[in-house]
Structure formats: C-alpha cells, structure tokens
Amino acid sequence: MKKFFNDYKQFISRGNIMDLAIAVIIGQAFGKIVSSFTNDIIMPFIGKLIGNINIAMLEVAVTEDLIIKYGSFLQAITDFLIISLFIFLMLRAAKRAHTRAERVKEKLEQKLKGLGAGESEAESEEQADAGAAETAETADAESAPGRQEQLLEEIRDLLKAQASAEK
C-alpha cells in the first residue's frame, strides 16, 4: 500500500498542478458556453423546425414511476457534437497556421541561401576582375544595400502572396 501512495505522490508532483487546474476551469467555462449556445440557440431553432417541440423535454413514460427522458440525452449528444466540432475547427486552424508559417519560413530560408550564394559568386568575380582586395571591399559595400533592399522586397512579395493565398 505504501508503494501505491508513493507512486501516487510521484504522479502528482510530476506535472504542474496550477496549469492543470487552470485548464480544468477554462474547460468548464468553455463547456458552459457551448451548452448555452446549444440550449439557447441551436435547440430552439431545431425545435421550431420540427414543430415547436422542446427537444430537451422529450420523454417516455414506461410506468407511472419510470420516465425515460431521452430528450436530455439528445441534448447531451448535441452538446458533445458541437464541442467536438469547435475543438476540431480550432485544431485545424492552428495546424493550417503552423503549416503556412513553416512554408513561409522555408521560402525565406531558400531565398536567403540563394542570395548568400549569389553574393559569394559576385564577390569572387569582383575580386578576379579588380585584382585587389580593396576594390572588392568597395564593391561589396556598394552592393550590400541593394541586396538588403532586394531581400526585403522578396520577403514583402512572399508575405503578400501568402496573404492572398489565405483569402
């Protein structure tokens, strides 16, 4: 029995209890919001569509003492479906945002690699043509702002393309 309590103590001390408590509280609040959305908006609309019926009040009397309230069960199923739909949509949006960010990051890295390789070739050509390190440094200093502007323009274009693709 002592081993059980030691294992339990170790289990509790592993995670951050405050994070867990906050997640539970937020989850309960989210559940209340979705329940209200279901009970106060979705279900009255569905009830109106099927003939002014309050679905939560549907029940069957098996005997005088035994009443099966299947309407409450249908309400709970609807709550679950709406909660799972919201969670699915949030996770899907987060995944898409992450994927898009990764694509933009990869494109920018490719552009930076391409520009870096272009500068190396330009430097070697300039050094060969000038024949002196001093001339190459002067040429590099003059071309650096142009390269920076070009890079910034390419980043801007990539971000514009990404934004238009999202729409």
C-alpha atoms as a PDB file:
ATOM      1  CA  MET A   1       0.000   0.000   0.000  1.00  0.00           C
ATOM      2  CA  LYS A   2       2.925   2.287   0.755  1.00  0.00           C
ATOM      3  CA  LYS A   3       4.245   1.803  -2.774  1.00  0.00           C
ATOM      4  CA  PHE A   4       0.840   2.823  -4.136  1.00  0.00           C
ATOM      5  CA  PHE A   5       0.869   6.108  -2.207  1.00  0.00           C
ATOM      6  CA  ASN A   6       4.496   6.794  -3.158  1.00  0.00           C
ATOM      7  CA  ASP A   7       3.639   6.235  -6.826  1.00  0.00           C
ATOM      8  CA  TYR A   8       0.610   8.497  -6.470  1.00  0.00           C
ATOM      9  CA  LYS A   9       2.682  11.212  -4.786  1.00  0.00           C
ATOM     10  CA  GLN A  10       5.257  10.994  -7.575  1.00  0.00           C
ATOM     11  CA  PHE A  11       2.487  11.175 -10.189  1.00  0.00           C
ATOM     12  CA  ILE A  12       1.015  14.317  -8.646  1.00  0.00           C
ATOM     13  CA  SER A  13       4.366  16.041  -8.273  1.00  0.00           C
ATOM     14  CA  ARG A  14       5.372  15.402 -11.906  1.00  0.00           C
ATOM     15  CA  GLY A  15       3.122  17.930 -13.617  1.00  0.00           C
ATOM     16  CA  ASN A  16       2.292  21.499 -12.897  1.00  0.00           C
ATOM     17  CA  ILE A  17      -0.865  21.356 -10.796  1.00  0.00           C
ATOM     18  CA  MET A  18      -1.688  25.025 -11.429  1.00  0.00           C
ATOM     19  CA  ASP A  19      -1.631  24.501 -15.203  1.00  0.00           C
ATOM     20  CA  LEU A  20      -3.938  21.535 -14.799  1.00  0.00           C
ATOM     21  CA  ALA A  21      -6.313  23.490 -12.535  1.00  0.00           C
ATOM     22  CA  ILE A  22      -6.433  26.396 -14.982  1.00  0.00           C
ATOM     23  CA  ALA A  23      -7.112  24.022 -17.887  1.00  0.00           C
ATOM     24  CA  VAL A  24      -9.977  22.397 -15.978  1.00  0.00           C
ATOM     25  CA  ILE A  25     -11.528  25.753 -15.090  1.00  0.00           C
ATOM     26  CA  ILE A  26     -11.252  27.024 -18.662  1.00  0.00           C
ATOM     27  CA  GLY A  27     -12.661  23.728 -19.920  1.00  0.00           C
ATOM     28  CA  GLN A  28     -15.660  24.034 -17.616  1.00  0.00           C
ATOM     29  CA  ALA A  29     -16.274  27.619 -18.736  1.00  0.00           C
ATOM     30  CA  PHE A  30     -15.985  26.551 -22.368  1.00  0.00           C
ATOM     31  CA  GLY A  31     -18.457  23.738 -21.697  1.00  0.00           C
ATOM     32  CA  LYS A  32     -20.936  26.203 -20.200  1.00  0.00           C
ATOM     33  CA  ILE A  33     -20.604  28.497 -23.208  1.00  0.00           C
ATOM     34  CA  VAL A  34     -21.203  25.646 -25.632  1.00  0.00           C
ATOM     35  CA  SER A  35     -24.110  24.314 -23.554  1.00  0.00           C
ATOM     36  CA  SER A  36     -25.691  27.749 -23.599  1.00  0.00           C
ATOM     37  CA  PHE A  37     -25.106  28.000 -27.348  1.00  0.00           C
ATOM     38  CA  THR A  38     -26.726  24.603 -27.813  1.00  0.00           C
ATOM     39  CA  ASN A  39     -29.608  25.088 -25.374  1.00  0.00           C
ATOM     40  CA  ASP A  40     -30.414  28.709 -26.149  1.00  0.00           C
ATOM     41  CA  ILE A  41     -29.668  28.986 -29.873  1.00  0.00           C
ATOM     42  CA  ILE A  42     -29.348  25.658 -31.694  1.00  0.00           C
ATOM     43  CA  MET A  43     -32.005  23.546 -29.977  1.00  0.00           C
ATOM     44  CA  PRO A  44     -34.825  26.133 -30.088  1.00  0.00           C
ATOM     45  CA  PHE A  45     -34.136  26.547 -33.800  1.00  0.00           C
ATOM     46  CA  ILE A  46     -34.228  22.779 -34.358  1.00  0.00           C
ATOM     47  CA  GLY A  47     -37.365  22.507 -32.192  1.00  0.00           C
ATOM     48  CA  LYS A  48     -39.041  25.199 -34.264  1.00  0.00           C
ATOM     49  CA  LEU A  49     -38.140  23.377 -37.471  1.00  0.00           C
ATOM     50  CA  ILE A  50     -39.705  20.122 -36.280  1.00  0.00           C
ATOM     51  CA  GLY A  51     -42.922  21.665 -34.979  1.00  0.00           C
ATOM     52  CA  ASN A  52     -42.346  23.821 -31.884  1.00  0.00           C
ATOM     53  CA  ILE A  53     -41.003  20.941 -29.803  1.00  0.00           C
ATOM     54  CA  ASN A  54     -38.592  21.439 -26.911  1.00  0.00           C
ATOM     55  CA  ILE A  55     -36.265  18.519 -27.549  1.00  0.00           C
ATOM     56  CA  ALA A  56     -34.850  18.563 -24.003  1.00  0.00           C
ATOM     57  CA  MET A  57     -38.322  17.846 -22.637  1.00  0.00           C
ATOM     58  CA  LEU A  58     -38.948  14.733 -24.738  1.00  0.00           C
ATOM     59  CA  GLU A  59     -39.667  11.731 -22.570  1.00  0.00           C
ATOM     60  CA  VAL A  60     -41.379   8.389 -22.497  1.00  0.00           C
ATOM     61  CA  ALA A  61     -43.342   7.115 -19.522  1.00  0.00           C
ATOM     62  CA  VAL A  62     -42.705   3.388 -19.233  1.00  0.00           C
ATOM     63  CA  THR A  63     -44.635   3.119 -15.982  1.00  0.00           C
ATOM     64  CA  GLU A  64     -46.034   5.638 -13.587  1.00  0.00           C
ATOM     65  CA  ASP A  65     -42.756   5.713 -11.672  1.00  0.00           C
ATOM     66  CA  LEU A  66     -40.372   5.175 -14.595  1.00  0.00           C
ATOM     67  CA  ILE A  67     -39.918   8.049 -17.033  1.00  0.00           C
ATOM     68  CA  ILE A  68     -37.146   7.964 -19.617  1.00  0.00           C
ATOM     69  CA  LYS A  69     -36.036  11.469 -20.525  1.00  0.00           C
ATOM     70  CA  TYR A  70     -34.417  10.777 -23.862  1.00  0.00           C
ATOM     71  CA  GLY A  71     -34.646  14.464 -24.791  1.00  0.00           C
ATOM     72  CA  SER A  72     -31.965  15.295 -22.205  1.00  0.00           C
ATOM     73  CA  PHE A  73     -29.818  12.560 -23.704  1.00  0.00           C
ATOM     74  CA  LEU A  74     -30.290  14.012 -27.206  1.00  0.00           C
ATOM     75  CA  GLN A  75     -29.361  17.416 -25.777  1.00  0.00           C
ATOM     76  CA  ALA A  76     -26.150  15.983 -24.288  1.00  0.00           C
ATOM     77  CA  ILE A  77     -25.254  14.345 -27.604  1.00  0.00           C
ATOM     78  CA  THR A  78     -25.808  17.646 -29.389  1.00  0.00           C
ATOM     79  CA  ASP A  79     -23.593  19.416 -26.825  1.00  0.00           C
ATOM     80  CA  PHE A  80     -20.866  16.844 -27.391  1.00  0.00           C
ATOM     81  CA  LEU A  81     -21.061  17.162 -31.173  1.00  0.00           C
ATOM     82  CA  ILE A  82     -20.867  20.945 -31.033  1.00  0.00           C
ATOM     83  CA  ILE A  83     -17.967  20.926 -28.537  1.00  0.00           C
ATOM     84  CA  SER A  84     -16.049  18.408 -30.631  1.00  0.00           C
ATOM     85  CA  LEU A  85     -16.753  20.458 -33.778  1.00  0.00           C
ATOM     86  CA  PHE A  86     -15.385  23.636 -32.148  1.00  0.00           C
ATOM     87  CA  ILE A  87     -12.289  21.817 -30.907  1.00  0.00           C
ATOM     88  CA  PHE A  88     -11.757  20.261 -34.334  1.00  0.00           C
ATOM     89  CA  LEU A  89     -12.062  23.663 -36.035  1.00  0.00           C
ATOM     90  CA  MET A  90      -9.629  25.286 -33.592  1.00  0.00           C
ATOM     91  CA  LEU A  91      -7.072  22.496 -34.020  1.00  0.00           C
ATOM     92  CA  ARG A  92      -7.469  22.590 -37.781  1.00  0.00           C
ATOM     93  CA  ALA A  93      -6.953  26.365 -37.861  1.00  0.00           C
ATOM     94  CA  ALA A  94      -3.880  26.066 -35.646  1.00  0.00           C
ATOM     95  CA  LYS A  95      -2.464  23.319 -37.865  1.00  0.00           C
ATOM     96  CA  ARG A  96      -3.049  25.397 -41.009  1.00  0.00           C
ATOM     97  CA  ALA A  97      -1.413  28.444 -39.448  1.00  0.00           C
ATOM     98  CA  HIS A  98       1.578  26.348 -38.394  1.00  0.00           C
ATOM     99  CA  THR A  99       1.871  24.788 -41.865  1.00  0.00           C
ATOM    100  CA  ARG A 100       1.689  28.188 -43.571  1.00  0.00           C
ATOM    101  CA  ALA A 101       4.284  29.616 -41.214  1.00  0.00           C
ATOM    102  CA  GLU A 102       6.592  26.693 -41.977  1.00  0.00           C
ATOM    103  CA  ARG A 103       6.147  27.210 -45.731  1.00  0.00           C
ATOM    104  CA  VAL A 104       6.929  30.916 -45.455  1.00  0.00           C
ATOM    105  CA  LYS A 105       9.944  30.127 -43.277  1.00  0.00           C
ATOM    106  CA  GLU A 106      11.228  27.579 -45.812  1.00  0.00           C
ATOM    107  CA  LYS A 107      10.767  30.015 -48.702  1.00  0.00           C
ATOM    108  CA  LEU A 108      12.590  32.731 -46.823  1.00  0.00           C
ATOM    109  CA  GLU A 109      15.430  30.368 -45.961  1.00  0.00           C
ATOM    110  CA  GLN A 110      15.703  29.332 -49.609  1.00  0.00           C
ATOM    111  CA  LYS A 111      15.783  32.982 -50.676  1.00  0.00           C
ATOM    112  CA  LEU A 112      18.427  33.767 -48.087  1.00  0.00           C
ATOM    113  CA  LYS A 113      20.531  30.799 -49.224  1.00  0.00           C
ATOM    114  CA  GLY A 114      20.120  31.889 -52.831  1.00  0.00           C
ATOM    115  CA  LEU A 115      21.141  35.442 -52.026  1.00  0.00           C
ATOM    116  CA  GLY A 116      24.090  34.241 -49.956  1.00  0.00           C
ATOM    117  CA  ALA A 117      25.320  32.066 -52.836  1.00  0.00           C
ATOM    118  CA  GLY A 118      24.824  34.965 -55.263  1.00  0.00           C
ATOM    119  CA  GLU A 119      26.915  37.261 -53.092  1.00  0.00           C
ATOM    120  CA  SER A 120      29.739  34.720 -52.898  1.00  0.00           C
ATOM    121  CA  GLU A 121      29.829  34.409 -56.682  1.00  0.00           C
ATOM    122  CA  ALA A 122      29.670  38.176 -57.096  1.00  0.00           C
ATOM    123  CA  GLU A 123      32.493  38.632 -54.599  1.00  0.00           C
ATOM    124  CA  SER A 124      34.732  36.121 -56.342  1.00  0.00           C
ATOM    125  CA  GLU A 125      34.038  37.683 -59.747  1.00  0.00           C
ATOM    126  CA  GLU A 126      34.733  41.161 -58.419  1.00  0.00           C
ATOM    127  CA  GLN A 127      37.979  40.027 -56.823  1.00  0.00           C
ATOM    128  CA  ALA A 128      39.106  38.356 -60.022  1.00  0.00           C
ATOM    129  CA  ASP A 129      38.241  41.399 -62.120  1.00  0.00           C
ATOM    130  CA  ALA A 130      39.660  44.001 -59.757  1.00  0.00           C
ATOM    131  CA  GLY A 131      42.685  42.026 -58.728  1.00  0.00           C
ATOM    132  CA  ALA A 132      42.778  43.729 -55.356  1.00  0.00           C
ATOM    133  CA  ALA A 133      41.039  43.179 -52.022  1.00  0.00           C
ATOM    134  CA  GLU A 134      40.436  46.896 -51.642  1.00  0.00           C
ATOM    135  CA  THR A 135      38.358  47.116 -54.818  1.00  0.00           C
ATOM    136  CA  ALA A 136      36.335  44.050 -53.810  1.00  0.00           C
ATOM    137  CA  GLU A 137      35.529  45.573 -50.410  1.00  0.00           C
ATOM    138  CA  THR A 138      34.359  48.792 -52.044  1.00  0.00           C
ATOM    139  CA  ALA A 139      32.171  46.874 -54.482  1.00  0.00           C
ATOM    140  CA  ASP A 140      30.708  44.754 -51.661  1.00  0.00           C
ATOM    141  CA  ALA A 141      29.900  47.843 -49.614  1.00  0.00           C
ATOM    142  CA  GLU A 142      28.096  49.413 -52.543  1.00  0.00           C
ATOM    143  CA  SER A 143      26.115  46.261 -53.382  1.00  0.00           C
ATOM    144  CA  ALA A 144      25.124  45.390 -49.777  1.00  0.00           C
ATOM    145  CA  PRO A 145      22.294  47.954 -49.521  1.00  0.00           C
ATOM    146  CA  GLY A 146      20.978  46.783 -52.887  1.00  0.00           C
ATOM    147  CA  ARG A 147      20.998  43.191 -51.662  1.00  0.00           C
ATOM    148  CA  GLN A 148      19.192  44.190 -48.475  1.00  0.00           C
ATOM    149  CA  GLU A 149      16.532  46.052 -50.427  1.00  0.00           C
ATOM    150  CA  GLN A 150      16.143  43.106 -52.785  1.00  0.00           C
ATOM    151  CA  LEU A 151      15.764  40.715 -49.847  1.00  0.00           C
ATOM    152  CA  LEU A 152      13.188  42.960 -48.174  1.00  0.00           C
ATOM    153  CA  GLU A 153      11.227  43.226 -51.425  1.00  0.00           C
ATOM    154  CA  GLU A 154      11.239  39.439 -51.827  1.00  0.00           C
ATOM    155  CA  ILE A 155      10.066  38.977 -48.228  1.00  0.00           C
ATOM    156  CA  ARG A 156       7.286  41.506 -48.826  1.00  0.00           C
ATOM    157  CA  ASP A 157       6.239  39.707 -52.010  1.00  0.00           C
ATOM    158  CA  LEU A 158       6.202  36.339 -50.250  1.00  0.00           C
ATOM    159  CA  LEU A 159       4.047  37.717 -47.437  1.00  0.00           C
ATOM    160  CA  LYS A 160       1.639  39.297 -49.949  1.00  0.00           C
ATOM    161  CA  ALA A 161       1.402  36.030 -51.860  1.00  0.00           C
ATOM    162  CA  GLN A 162       0.780  34.157 -48.615  1.00  0.00           C
ATOM    163  CA  ALA A 163      -1.954  36.604 -47.571  1.00  0.00           C
ATOM    164  CA  SER A 164      -3.678  36.384 -50.956  1.00  0.00           C
ATOM    165  CA  ALA A 165      -3.483  32.574 -50.848  1.00  0.00           C
ATOM    166  CA  GLU A 166      -5.235  32.590 -47.463  1.00  0.00           C
ATOM    167  CA  LYS A 167      -8.146  34.571 -48.893  1.00  0.00           C
END
